[in-house]
Protein backbone atom coordinates (compact mmCIF):
# COMPACT_ATOMS: atom_id res chain seq x y z
CA MET A 1 69.49 138.59 88.52
CA GLY A 2 70.79 135.10 88.99
CA ARG A 3 72.62 133.02 86.48
CA GLN A 4 70.82 131.07 83.82
CA LYS A 5 70.27 127.39 84.41
CA PRO A 6 72.58 125.10 82.44
CA SER A 7 71.13 123.61 79.31
CA ALA A 8 69.90 120.03 79.19
CA GLU A 9 72.92 119.17 77.02
CA THR A 10 75.30 120.68 79.56
CA LEU A 11 73.70 118.71 82.40
CA LEU A 12 73.79 115.51 80.33
CA ALA A 13 77.50 116.05 79.67
CA LEU A 14 78.03 116.63 83.39
CA ARG A 15 76.25 113.39 84.32
CA ASN A 16 78.17 111.47 81.64
CA GLY A 17 81.41 112.91 83.01
CA ALA A 18 80.45 111.87 86.54
CA ARG A 19 79.71 108.34 85.32
CA SER A 20 83.09 108.19 83.54
CA GLU A 21 84.83 109.36 86.72
CA LEU A 22 83.02 106.71 88.76
CA GLU A 23 84.05 104.03 86.26
CA ARG A 24 87.67 105.21 86.48
CA LEU A 25 87.58 105.02 90.27
CA GLU A 26 85.93 101.58 90.23
CA ILE A 27 88.72 100.24 88.01
CA ILE A 28 91.36 101.46 90.46
CA VAL A 29 89.66 100.04 93.56
CA SER A 30 88.75 96.78 91.83
CA GLN A 31 92.42 95.81 91.72
CA ALA A 32 92.78 94.05 95.07
CA GLU A 33 96.55 94.46 95.45
CA LYS A 34 96.44 98.18 94.60
CA ARG A 35 93.45 98.74 96.87
CA GLN A 36 95.24 97.02 99.76
CA ILE A 37 98.39 99.12 99.28
CA LEU A 38 96.32 102.31 99.18
CA ASP A 39 94.30 101.34 102.25
CA ASP A 40 97.45 100.43 104.19
CA PHE A 41 99.18 103.62 103.05
CA LYS A 42 96.29 105.90 104.04
CA ASN A 43 95.80 104.15 107.38
CA ARG A 44 99.49 104.33 108.22
CA PHE A 45 99.71 107.99 107.26
CA ASN A 46 96.59 108.76 109.29
CA MET A 47 98.33 107.30 112.34
CA CYS A 48 101.37 109.51 111.73
CA GLU A 49 99.15 112.55 111.28
CA SER A 50 97.03 111.83 114.35
CA VAL A 51 100.03 111.28 116.61
CA TYR A 52 101.67 114.44 115.30
CA LYS A 53 98.50 116.47 115.84
CA PHE A 54 98.24 115.13 119.41
CA ILE A 55 101.71 116.52 120.06
CA LEU A 56 100.94 119.72 118.14
CA ALA A 57 97.85 120.37 120.28
CA GLU A 58 99.96 120.26 123.46
CA HIS A 59 102.63 122.41 121.84
CA GLN A 60 99.99 124.96 120.91
CA LYS A 61 98.49 124.96 124.42
CA TRP A 62 101.91 125.57 125.96
CA ASN A 63 102.44 128.45 123.57
CA GLY A 64 99.16 130.03 124.62
CA SER A 65 97.06 129.17 121.58
CA THR A 66 93.38 128.77 122.33
CA ASN A 67 92.46 127.61 118.83
CA ILE A 68 93.41 123.92 118.80
CA ASP A 69 90.23 122.62 117.20
CA TYR A 70 91.73 122.91 113.73
CA LEU A 71 95.32 121.74 113.61
CA LYS A 72 97.24 121.85 110.35
CA ILE A 73 100.47 120.17 109.35
CA ASP A 74 102.94 122.90 108.46
CA MET A 75 106.62 122.06 108.00
CA ARG A 76 107.60 125.41 109.50
CA GLN A 77 106.12 124.08 112.73
CA VAL A 78 106.56 120.27 112.62
CA PRO A 79 110.20 120.10 113.83
CA HIS A 80 109.51 122.59 116.64
CA ALA A 81 106.43 120.78 117.95
CA LEU A 82 108.24 117.43 117.93
CA ALA A 83 111.35 118.92 119.58
CA PHE A 84 109.07 120.46 122.22
CA ALA A 85 107.93 116.92 123.08
CA GLY A 86 111.54 115.77 123.32
CA TYR A 87 111.89 114.02 119.99
CA SER A 88 114.88 114.43 117.74
CA PHE A 89 113.84 113.54 114.19
CA ASP A 90 115.95 113.91 111.09
CA HIS A 91 114.58 116.94 109.22
CA SER A 92 114.70 115.13 105.87
CA LEU A 93 112.52 112.32 107.27
CA LEU A 94 109.94 114.87 108.45
CA THR A 95 110.06 116.61 105.07
CA GLU A 96 109.46 113.32 103.22
CA LEU A 97 106.50 112.64 105.50
CA PHE A 98 104.84 115.99 106.07
CA GLY A 99 106.43 118.47 103.66
CA ALA A 100 105.12 120.11 100.54
CA LYS A 101 108.03 118.89 98.42
CA GLY A 102 110.39 116.01 99.01
CA LYS A 103 113.79 115.37 97.49
CA LYS A 104 112.95 111.79 96.50
CA GLY A 105 109.52 112.43 94.97
CA THR A 106 106.13 113.52 96.19
CA THR A 107 105.85 113.53 99.98
CA ALA A 108 103.69 111.05 101.87
CA LYS A 109 101.31 113.84 102.86
CA LYS A 110 100.85 115.06 99.30
CA LEU A 111 100.37 111.51 98.04
CA ARG A 112 97.79 110.83 100.76
CA ASP A 113 95.96 114.02 99.77
CA ALA A 114 96.03 113.02 96.10
CA VAL A 115 94.55 109.57 96.69
CA THR A 116 92.06 110.68 99.32
CA HIS A 117 90.62 113.60 97.38
CA GLY A 118 90.23 112.02 93.97
CA LEU A 119 92.34 108.88 93.54
CA ASP A 120 94.87 110.55 91.27
CA GLU A 121 96.30 107.80 89.05
CA LYS A 122 99.79 109.27 89.01
CA ALA A 123 99.81 109.28 92.83
CA VAL A 124 98.52 105.70 92.95
CA LYS A 125 101.35 104.59 90.67
CA GLU A 126 103.92 106.50 92.74
CA ILE A 127 102.69 104.97 96.00
CA CYS A 128 102.86 101.47 94.50
CA ALA A 129 106.34 102.09 93.03
CA ARG A 130 107.74 103.68 96.23
CA LYS A 131 105.80 101.53 98.71
CA ASP A 132 108.81 100.29 100.71
CA GLU A 133 110.36 103.76 100.89
CA LEU A 134 107.15 105.53 101.94
CA PHE A 135 106.19 102.89 104.49
CA GLY A 136 109.76 103.07 105.80
CA TYR A 137 109.37 106.79 106.55
CA MET A 138 106.07 106.23 108.30
CA ASP A 139 107.33 103.21 110.24
CA THR A 140 110.43 105.09 111.38
CA PHE A 141 108.26 107.94 112.65
CA LEU A 142 105.78 105.66 114.42
CA ASN A 143 108.48 103.38 115.88
CA THR A 144 110.32 106.40 117.26
CA ILE A 145 107.13 107.55 118.95
CA LYS A 146 106.41 104.05 120.25
CA THR A 147 109.88 103.26 121.57
CA PHE A 148 111.18 106.70 122.59
CA ASP A 149 111.07 106.19 126.36
CA ASN A 150 112.30 102.61 126.04
CA ALA A 151 115.35 103.75 124.08
CA ALA A 152 116.14 106.80 126.20
């Protein structure tokens, strides 16, 4: 036997909750300055992630992996994949970008996840408060990728 259908009251409460969540999200994205910071943050992080995954795919191929369709950021692997490509990044920078826990607050990856999968208000506030620091990590990573051969 299957489960019973939810009651009309339960479904009404669900729809009211969904409407409240939508209103909460609309308030956040209606603030132009906040929305711009979030858009810039997510776009910049996506560039970092995409470039890293490009390198990771090659690293995986060289190590004999045939499953490169789903690449995951894992800090146990990040330094090795980047070193494989010839980059020498500070481990703390990589941790602040891609790690599960950073020493200075939530990592860029975790903040991106929090604002992409639900617009967590605490994460939004942290991104706005730490904007220069977080963008600095991402810019350092991207500039190193961009200028590596020019600087070598």
